[in-house]
Each structure stands twice: as structure tokens, then as C-alpha cells.
Amino acid sequence: MNKMKHRTVIYWIIAVCAAAIVFYLSCNSYRTKPATAAVSAYEAYSKVSPDFDADSAYAFIERQVSFGPRVPNTPEHSACGDYLSVTLKAFGAEVTEQTADIVHYNGEMFSIRNIIGSFQPEKEKRIMLFAHWDTRPFADRETDPQKQRQP
């Protein structure tokens, strides 16, 4: 073997050995962490929410749906919005309502209403959940033009 090939082989051997050492050290780095850190995080958790009750959740959905289509500017829309606001307050939420009159793309005026229930607003870390509770006034993707005005 000539001198150049010999050097190339030595460089490759050194590179492979160095890569193996780096790989070995990085794979074993988990051993330096204390094993109790993960356990203590679970021990610190204390449940503060009630258990989920499927029957109760279904009853709330059933009640909301019982109002019928909740198209803005209808009595069903107002009644369902009032129900949601009262129910959130009954569960201890601080309720804020945002109302506005908007002009829809077809020129119709709609009174819209956002209902925000805040639980423990003084807390710095909270979860935000949002949902639409009203019904779209137009079925714009309906292929039958006669049904497009139905909610």
C-alpha cells in the first residue's frame, strides 16, 4: 500500500472511532439525569376539576340543539344565547358578552353575539376553549339553490 492510501485509511479509522465515541457518549447522556425528576412532577399534580360525565354532557348538547336553528336575528338565537350565558354563570364563570351588528356579504344586517365564560380569571395560566354555538344563515355550498337559504 502506498503512503497516500495508508494515510487515507488511517484518517477513516480515526473518523469512525471519533464518531463511535460521540455516539456512545450521547446515547448514555440520560444516565446523568436524576431518575426522580419525572416521578416528582407526577406527585405534585392534584386534580381540581370534576370527573367528566357523558350523560350530563349529552344533556347540555341536547338542550342547546332543542332551540332549533340558531340563526342570528331569530328568537331561537336569542334564547340559546341566554341559556348559554345563564348556564356558564351557574357554573361560576365570569361572563362577558360581545355584540355587534354586521353587514353580511349579501347586504343583510345581522346582530351577532360572542359569549365568553372565564373561570378563575386571576390565574396566569389557563386554557382557552372556543366553539360556535350559532347556525350559519346560508347553506352556500348546497347544490340545490332552493335549499341555500335554509340554515
N, C-alpha and C. Protein backbone atom coordinates (compact mmCIF):
# COMPACT_ATOMS: atom_id res chain seq x y z
N MET A 1 0.85 -1.16 0.00
CA MET A 1 0.00 0.00 0.00
C MET A 1 0.90 1.24 0.00
N ASN A 2 0.59 2.18 -0.85
CA ASN A 2 1.44 3.36 -0.89
C ASN A 2 1.10 4.28 0.27
N LYS A 3 1.91 5.28 0.44
CA LYS A 3 1.81 6.18 1.59
C LYS A 3 0.49 6.96 1.60
N MET A 4 -0.02 7.41 0.47
CA MET A 4 -1.25 8.19 0.39
C MET A 4 -2.45 7.35 0.78
N LYS A 5 -2.52 6.12 0.28
CA LYS A 5 -3.63 5.24 0.63
C LYS A 5 -3.58 4.90 2.11
N HIS A 6 -2.38 4.72 2.64
CA HIS A 6 -2.21 4.40 4.05
C HIS A 6 -2.74 5.54 4.93
N ARG A 7 -2.43 6.78 4.58
CA ARG A 7 -2.93 7.93 5.34
C ARG A 7 -4.47 8.02 5.26
N THR A 8 -5.01 7.79 4.09
CA THR A 8 -6.46 7.84 3.93
C THR A 8 -7.13 6.81 4.82
N VAL A 9 -6.59 5.61 4.86
CA VAL A 9 -7.15 4.55 5.71
C VAL A 9 -7.07 4.97 7.18
N ILE A 10 -5.97 5.54 7.60
CA ILE A 10 -5.80 5.97 9.00
C ILE A 10 -6.80 7.08 9.32
N TYR A 11 -6.99 8.04 8.42
CA TYR A 11 -7.98 9.11 8.65
C TYR A 11 -9.39 8.54 8.80
N TRP A 12 -9.72 7.58 7.96
CA TRP A 12 -11.05 6.96 8.05
C TRP A 12 -11.21 6.20 9.36
N ILE A 13 -10.20 5.52 9.80
CA ILE A 13 -10.27 4.79 11.08
C ILE A 13 -10.46 5.77 12.23
N ILE A 14 -9.72 6.87 12.21
CA ILE A 14 -9.84 7.89 13.27
C ILE A 14 -11.24 8.50 13.23
N ALA A 15 -11.75 8.82 12.04
CA ALA A 15 -13.09 9.43 11.92
C ALA A 15 -14.17 8.49 12.43
N VAL A 16 -14.08 7.21 12.08
CA VAL A 16 -15.08 6.23 12.52
C VAL A 16 -15.00 6.06 14.04
N CYS A 17 -13.80 6.00 14.60
CA CYS A 17 -13.65 5.88 16.05
C CYS A 17 -14.20 7.11 16.77
N ALA A 18 -13.92 8.30 16.25
CA ALA A 18 -14.43 9.53 16.87
C ALA A 18 -15.95 9.56 16.81
N ALA A 19 -16.53 9.17 15.69
CA ALA A 19 -17.99 9.14 15.57
C ALA A 19 -18.58 8.13 16.54
N ALA A 20 -17.93 6.99 16.70
CA ALA A 20 -18.42 5.97 17.63
C ALA A 20 -18.38 6.48 19.07
N ILE A 21 -17.33 7.20 19.43
CA ILE A 21 -17.22 7.75 20.79
C ILE A 21 -18.30 8.79 21.03
N VAL A 22 -18.50 9.70 20.08
CA VAL A 22 -19.55 10.72 20.21
C VAL A 22 -20.92 10.06 20.32
N PHE A 23 -21.18 9.07 19.49
CA PHE A 23 -22.46 8.36 19.52
C PHE A 23 -22.66 7.68 20.87
N TYR A 24 -21.63 7.01 21.37
CA TYR A 24 -21.72 6.32 22.65
C TYR A 24 -21.99 7.30 23.79
N LEU A 25 -21.30 8.43 23.81
CA LEU A 25 -21.49 9.41 24.88
C LEU A 25 -22.87 10.05 24.82
N SER A 26 -23.35 10.32 23.62
CA SER A 26 -24.68 10.95 23.52
C SER A 26 -25.79 9.97 23.88
N CYS A 27 -25.61 8.71 23.59
CA CYS A 27 -26.63 7.71 23.93
C CYS A 27 -26.70 7.46 25.43
N ASN A 28 -25.63 7.65 26.12
CA ASN A 28 -25.62 7.40 27.55
C ASN A 28 -25.83 8.65 28.38
N SER A 29 -26.15 9.77 27.75
CA SER A 29 -26.31 11.01 28.50
C SER A 29 -27.51 10.98 29.41
N TYR A 30 -28.49 10.13 29.14
CA TYR A 30 -29.67 10.07 30.00
C TYR A 30 -29.33 9.56 31.40
N ARG A 31 -28.23 8.86 31.54
CA ARG A 31 -27.86 8.30 32.84
C ARG A 31 -27.41 9.37 33.84
N THR A 32 -27.06 10.55 33.34
CA THR A 32 -26.60 11.59 34.26
C THR A 32 -27.75 12.34 34.91
N LYS A 33 -28.99 12.18 34.38
CA LYS A 33 -30.14 12.88 34.94
C LYS A 33 -30.71 12.08 36.11
N PRO A 34 -31.16 12.76 37.14
CA PRO A 34 -31.75 12.04 38.27
C PRO A 34 -33.06 11.38 37.86
N ALA A 35 -33.25 10.15 38.27
CA ALA A 35 -34.44 9.37 37.91
C ALA A 35 -35.68 9.86 38.63
N THR A 36 -35.55 10.61 39.70
CA THR A 36 -36.70 11.04 40.49
C THR A 36 -37.38 12.29 39.94
N ALA A 37 -36.76 12.97 38.97
CA ALA A 37 -37.35 14.22 38.45
C ALA A 37 -38.71 13.98 37.82
N ALA A 38 -38.85 12.93 37.04
CA ALA A 38 -40.13 12.65 36.38
C ALA A 38 -41.18 12.22 37.39
N VAL A 39 -40.79 11.47 38.37
CA VAL A 39 -41.74 10.99 39.37
C VAL A 39 -42.28 12.14 40.20
N SER A 40 -41.42 13.08 40.59
CA SER A 40 -41.88 14.18 41.44
C SER A 40 -42.86 15.09 40.71
N ALA A 41 -42.75 15.20 39.39
CA ALA A 41 -43.70 16.02 38.63
C ALA A 41 -45.10 15.42 38.70
N TYR A 42 -45.19 14.11 38.66
CA TYR A 42 -46.50 13.47 38.75
C TYR A 42 -47.06 13.55 40.16
N GLU A 43 -46.21 13.48 41.15
CA GLU A 43 -46.68 13.54 42.53
C GLU A 43 -47.23 14.92 42.87
N ALA A 44 -46.75 15.97 42.20
CA ALA A 44 -47.17 17.33 42.52
C ALA A 44 -48.56 17.64 41.96
N TYR A 45 -49.05 16.84 41.03
CA TYR A 45 -50.36 17.10 40.41
C TYR A 45 -51.48 16.78 41.38
N SER A 46 -52.40 17.71 41.51
CA SER A 46 -53.60 17.45 42.29
C SER A 46 -54.80 17.83 41.43
N LYS A 47 -55.72 16.92 41.26
CA LYS A 47 -56.88 17.12 40.39
C LYS A 47 -57.79 18.19 40.98
N VAL A 48 -58.16 19.17 40.17
CA VAL A 48 -59.03 20.24 40.64
C VAL A 48 -60.34 20.32 39.84
N SER A 49 -60.50 19.46 38.86
CA SER A 49 -61.71 19.50 38.04
C SER A 49 -62.60 18.30 38.34
N PRO A 50 -63.88 18.44 38.08
CA PRO A 50 -64.78 17.31 38.30
C PRO A 50 -64.58 16.24 37.23
N ASP A 51 -65.04 15.03 37.51
CA ASP A 51 -64.97 13.96 36.52
C ASP A 51 -65.92 14.27 35.37
N PHE A 52 -65.55 13.85 34.18
CA PHE A 52 -66.40 14.05 33.01
C PHE A 52 -67.58 13.09 33.10
N ASP A 53 -68.76 13.60 32.84
CA ASP A 53 -69.98 12.79 32.87
C ASP A 53 -70.62 12.86 31.49
N ALA A 54 -70.58 11.75 30.76
CA ALA A 54 -71.09 11.72 29.38
C ALA A 54 -72.58 12.04 29.34
N ASP A 55 -73.34 11.54 30.29
CA ASP A 55 -74.79 11.81 30.29
C ASP A 55 -75.08 13.29 30.48
N SER A 56 -74.34 13.91 31.38
CA SER A 56 -74.52 15.34 31.62
C SER A 56 -74.13 16.15 30.38
N ALA A 57 -73.02 15.79 29.76
CA ALA A 57 -72.57 16.49 28.55
C ALA A 57 -73.62 16.35 27.45
N TYR A 58 -74.16 15.16 27.30
CA TYR A 58 -75.18 14.94 26.28
C TYR A 58 -76.42 15.78 26.57
N ALA A 59 -76.80 15.89 27.82
CA ALA A 59 -77.98 16.68 28.19
C ALA A 59 -77.79 18.15 27.83
N PHE A 60 -76.58 18.69 28.03
CA PHE A 60 -76.32 20.08 27.66
C PHE A 60 -76.39 20.27 26.15
N ILE A 61 -75.85 19.33 25.41
CA ILE A 61 -75.91 19.41 23.94
C ILE A 61 -77.35 19.29 23.47
N GLU A 62 -78.08 18.35 24.07
CA GLU A 62 -79.48 18.16 23.70
C GLU A 62 -80.29 19.43 23.95
N ARG A 63 -80.02 20.09 25.05
CA ARG A 63 -80.73 21.34 25.37
C ARG A 63 -80.41 22.42 24.35
N GLN A 64 -79.13 22.55 23.99
CA GLN A 64 -78.76 23.58 23.01
C GLN A 64 -79.41 23.30 21.66
N VAL A 65 -79.40 22.05 21.23
CA VAL A 65 -79.98 21.70 19.94
C VAL A 65 -81.50 21.86 19.95
N SER A 66 -82.11 21.72 21.11
CA SER A 66 -83.58 21.81 21.20
C SER A 66 -84.11 23.20 20.83
N PHE A 67 -83.27 24.20 20.82
CA PHE A 67 -83.71 25.53 20.42
C PHE A 67 -83.99 25.60 18.92
N GLY A 68 -83.47 24.64 18.17
CA GLY A 68 -83.63 24.66 16.72
C GLY A 68 -82.49 25.44 16.09
N PRO A 69 -82.57 25.73 14.79
CA PRO A 69 -81.52 26.51 14.14
C PRO A 69 -81.34 27.86 14.84
N ARG A 70 -80.10 28.17 15.17
CA ARG A 70 -79.80 29.38 15.95
C ARG A 70 -79.21 30.45 15.03
N VAL A 71 -80.00 30.83 14.07
CA VAL A 71 -79.58 31.83 13.08
C VAL A 71 -79.67 33.22 13.72
N PRO A 72 -78.64 34.05 13.56
CA PRO A 72 -78.72 35.41 14.10
C PRO A 72 -80.01 36.11 13.65
N ASN A 73 -80.52 36.97 14.52
CA ASN A 73 -81.76 37.75 14.31
C ASN A 73 -83.03 36.92 14.49
N THR A 74 -82.92 35.73 15.10
CA THR A 74 -84.12 34.91 15.34
C THR A 74 -84.32 34.74 16.84
N PRO A 75 -85.55 34.44 17.27
CA PRO A 75 -85.81 34.19 18.70
C PRO A 75 -85.02 32.98 19.22
N GLU A 76 -84.79 31.98 18.37
CA GLU A 76 -84.02 30.80 18.78
C GLU A 76 -82.57 31.18 19.11
N HIS A 77 -82.03 32.07 18.33
CA HIS A 77 -80.66 32.55 18.56
C HIS A 77 -80.57 33.27 19.91
N SER A 78 -81.51 34.16 20.17
CA SER A 78 -81.52 34.89 21.45
C SER A 78 -81.72 33.96 22.63
N ALA A 79 -82.67 33.02 22.50
CA ALA A 79 -82.97 32.11 23.61
C ALA A 79 -81.79 31.20 23.92
N CYS A 80 -81.14 30.68 22.90
CA CYS A 80 -79.98 29.80 23.13
C CYS A 80 -78.82 30.59 23.73
N GLY A 81 -78.59 31.79 23.25
CA GLY A 81 -77.52 32.64 23.82
C GLY A 81 -77.78 32.94 25.28
N ASP A 82 -79.03 33.24 25.61
CA ASP A 82 -79.38 33.49 27.02
C ASP A 82 -79.14 32.24 27.87
N TYR A 83 -79.53 31.08 27.34
CA TYR A 83 -79.33 29.81 28.05
C TYR A 83 -77.84 29.57 28.33
N LEU A 84 -77.01 29.76 27.32
CA LEU A 84 -75.57 29.54 27.49
C LEU A 84 -74.99 30.50 28.52
N SER A 85 -75.39 31.75 28.47
CA SER A 85 -74.89 32.76 29.41
C SER A 85 -75.29 32.41 30.85
N VAL A 86 -76.57 32.07 31.05
CA VAL A 86 -77.06 31.73 32.39
C VAL A 86 -76.38 30.46 32.90
N THR A 87 -76.20 29.47 32.03
CA THR A 87 -75.58 28.21 32.44
C THR A 87 -74.12 28.42 32.83
N LEU A 88 -73.39 29.21 32.06
CA LEU A 88 -72.00 29.50 32.42
C LEU A 88 -71.91 30.20 33.77
N LYS A 89 -72.79 31.16 34.00
CA LYS A 89 -72.81 31.86 35.29
C LYS A 89 -73.14 30.90 36.43
N ALA A 90 -74.05 29.96 36.19
CA ALA A 90 -74.42 28.99 37.23
C ALA A 90 -73.25 28.10 37.62
N PHE A 91 -72.32 27.88 36.69
CA PHE A 91 -71.13 27.08 36.99
C PHE A 91 -69.97 27.93 37.50
N GLY A 92 -70.22 29.20 37.75
CA GLY A 92 -69.21 30.06 38.37
C GLY A 92 -68.37 30.87 37.41
N ALA A 93 -68.74 30.92 36.16
CA ALA A 93 -67.95 31.69 35.19
C ALA A 93 -68.28 33.17 35.29
N GLU A 94 -67.27 33.97 35.01
CA GLU A 94 -67.46 35.41 34.84
C GLU A 94 -67.79 35.59 33.36
N VAL A 95 -69.02 36.00 33.05
CA VAL A 95 -69.48 36.03 31.66
C VAL A 95 -69.36 37.43 31.06
N THR A 96 -68.78 37.49 29.88
CA THR A 96 -68.68 38.71 29.10
C THR A 96 -69.36 38.45 27.76
N GLU A 97 -70.15 39.40 27.32
CA GLU A 97 -70.79 39.26 26.02
C GLU A 97 -70.34 40.37 25.10
N GLN A 98 -70.02 40.00 23.89
CA GLN A 98 -69.64 40.95 22.85
C GLN A 98 -70.75 40.92 21.79
N THR A 99 -71.32 42.06 21.51
CA THR A 99 -72.37 42.12 20.49
C THR A 99 -71.97 43.12 19.42
N ALA A 100 -72.46 42.87 18.22
CA ALA A 100 -72.17 43.78 17.11
C ALA A 100 -73.20 43.55 16.01
N ASP A 101 -73.42 44.58 15.24
CA ASP A 101 -74.24 44.47 14.04
C ASP A 101 -73.30 44.47 12.85
N ILE A 102 -73.43 43.44 12.03
CA ILE A 102 -72.54 43.33 10.87
C ILE A 102 -73.37 43.26 9.59
N VAL A 103 -72.77 43.65 8.50
CA VAL A 103 -73.40 43.53 7.19
C VAL A 103 -72.81 42.29 6.53
N HIS A 104 -73.68 41.35 6.20
CA HIS A 104 -73.25 40.11 5.56
C HIS A 104 -72.90 40.38 4.11
N TYR A 105 -72.28 39.42 3.45
CA TYR A 105 -71.82 39.62 2.08
C TYR A 105 -72.95 39.97 1.11
N ASN A 106 -74.18 39.56 1.45
CA ASN A 106 -75.31 39.84 0.56
C ASN A 106 -76.04 41.14 0.91
N GLY A 107 -75.50 41.89 1.87
CA GLY A 107 -76.09 43.16 2.26
C GLY A 107 -77.03 43.09 3.45
N GLU A 108 -77.36 41.86 3.91
CA GLU A 108 -78.25 41.72 5.07
C GLU A 108 -77.51 42.10 6.35
N MET A 109 -78.24 42.71 7.27
CA MET A 109 -77.68 43.10 8.57
C MET A 109 -77.93 41.96 9.56
N PHE A 110 -76.89 41.58 10.32
CA PHE A 110 -77.00 40.54 11.34
C PHE A 110 -76.50 41.06 12.67
N SER A 111 -77.23 40.76 13.72
CA SER A 111 -76.77 41.05 15.09
C SER A 111 -76.07 39.79 15.59
N ILE A 112 -74.77 39.91 15.86
CA ILE A 112 -74.01 38.75 16.31
C ILE A 112 -73.68 38.90 17.79
N ARG A 113 -73.33 37.78 18.41
CA ARG A 113 -73.12 37.76 19.86
C ARG A 113 -72.08 36.71 20.22
N ASN A 114 -71.00 37.13 20.83
CA ASN A 114 -70.00 36.22 21.39
C ASN A 114 -70.23 36.14 22.89
N ILE A 115 -70.19 34.94 23.43
CA ILE A 115 -70.39 34.73 24.86
C ILE A 115 -69.10 34.12 25.39
N ILE A 116 -68.46 34.81 26.33
CA ILE A 116 -67.18 34.38 26.87
C ILE A 116 -67.35 34.07 28.34
N GLY A 117 -67.08 32.82 28.71
CA GLY A 117 -67.12 32.43 30.12
C GLY A 117 -65.71 32.27 30.64
N SER A 118 -65.33 33.06 31.62
CA SER A 118 -63.97 33.00 32.19
C SER A 118 -64.03 32.39 33.58
N PHE A 119 -63.26 31.34 33.77
CA PHE A 119 -63.14 30.71 35.07
C PHE A 119 -61.79 31.08 35.65
N GLN A 120 -61.79 31.56 36.86
CA GLN A 120 -60.58 31.97 37.58
C GLN A 120 -59.72 32.92 36.73
N PRO A 121 -60.28 34.07 36.36
CA PRO A 121 -59.52 34.99 35.50
C PRO A 121 -58.26 35.54 36.16
N GLU A 122 -58.15 35.42 37.46
CA GLU A 122 -56.95 35.92 38.15
C GLU A 122 -55.75 35.01 37.92
N LYS A 123 -55.97 33.78 37.48
CA LYS A 123 -54.86 32.84 37.23
C LYS A 123 -54.08 33.27 36.00
N GLU A 124 -52.77 33.09 36.07
CA GLU A 124 -51.92 33.47 34.95
C GLU A 124 -51.96 32.43 33.83
N LYS A 125 -52.03 31.15 34.20
CA LYS A 125 -52.05 30.07 33.21
C LYS A 125 -53.44 29.44 33.20
N ARG A 126 -54.10 29.57 32.06
CA ARG A 126 -55.43 28.99 31.89
C ARG A 126 -55.55 28.40 30.49
N ILE A 127 -56.58 27.63 30.28
CA ILE A 127 -56.83 27.03 28.98
C ILE A 127 -57.96 27.79 28.30
N MET A 128 -57.82 28.02 27.01
CA MET A 128 -58.87 28.70 26.25
C MET A 128 -59.55 27.69 25.34
N LEU A 129 -60.87 27.60 25.44
CA LEU A 129 -61.66 26.75 24.56
C LEU A 129 -62.70 27.62 23.87
N PHE A 130 -62.87 27.44 22.59
CA PHE A 130 -63.84 28.23 21.83
C PHE A 130 -64.71 27.29 21.01
N ALA A 131 -65.96 27.68 20.81
CA ALA A 131 -66.88 26.90 19.98
C ALA A 131 -67.92 27.81 19.37
N HIS A 132 -68.38 27.46 18.19
CA HIS A 132 -69.51 28.17 17.59
C HIS A 132 -70.79 27.60 18.16
N TRP A 133 -71.68 28.43 18.58
CA TRP A 133 -72.95 27.98 19.15
C TRP A 133 -74.13 28.36 18.27
N ASP A 134 -73.87 29.20 17.27
CA ASP A 134 -74.97 29.63 16.42
C ASP A 134 -74.94 28.88 15.09
N THR A 135 -75.94 29.13 14.26
CA THR A 135 -76.10 28.44 12.98
C THR A 135 -75.82 29.41 11.85
N ARG A 136 -75.18 28.91 10.81
CA ARG A 136 -74.93 29.76 9.64
C ARG A 136 -76.26 30.08 8.97
N PRO A 137 -76.43 31.31 8.54
CA PRO A 137 -77.71 31.69 7.93
C PRO A 137 -77.89 31.19 6.50
N PHE A 138 -76.80 30.81 5.86
CA PHE A 138 -76.87 30.37 4.47
C PHE A 138 -76.13 29.05 4.31
N ALA A 139 -76.68 28.18 3.48
CA ALA A 139 -76.00 26.93 3.13
C ALA A 139 -75.36 27.15 1.76
N ASP A 140 -74.29 27.93 1.74
CA ASP A 140 -73.71 28.39 0.48
C ASP A 140 -73.06 27.28 -0.34
N ARG A 141 -72.83 26.11 0.24
CA ARG A 141 -72.25 25.01 -0.53
C ARG A 141 -73.31 23.99 -0.96
N GLU A 142 -74.54 24.26 -0.65
CA GLU A 142 -75.65 23.41 -1.07
C GLU A 142 -75.80 23.52 -2.59
N THR A 143 -75.90 22.37 -3.26
CA THR A 143 -76.00 22.39 -4.72
C THR A 143 -77.40 22.76 -5.20
N ASP A 144 -78.40 22.54 -4.37
CA ASP A 144 -79.78 22.89 -4.73
C ASP A 144 -80.03 24.35 -4.32
N PRO A 145 -80.21 25.26 -5.29
CA PRO A 145 -80.40 26.68 -4.96
C PRO A 145 -81.60 26.94 -4.04
N GLN A 146 -82.61 26.09 -4.09
CA GLN A 146 -83.79 26.26 -3.24
C GLN A 146 -83.45 26.06 -1.76
N LYS A 147 -82.42 25.28 -1.48
CA LYS A 147 -82.06 24.97 -0.09
C LYS A 147 -80.97 25.88 0.46
N GLN A 148 -80.37 26.72 -0.37
CA GLN A 148 -79.26 27.56 0.08
C GLN A 148 -79.67 28.56 1.14
N ARG A 149 -80.92 28.95 1.20
CA ARG A 149 -81.38 29.92 2.20
C ARG A 149 -81.82 29.24 3.49
N GLN A 150 -81.74 27.92 3.54
CA GLN A 150 -82.11 27.20 4.76
C GLN A 150 -80.87 27.07 5.64
N PRO A 151 -81.03 27.27 6.94
CA PRO A 151 -79.87 27.11 7.83
C PRO A 151 -79.50 25.65 8.00
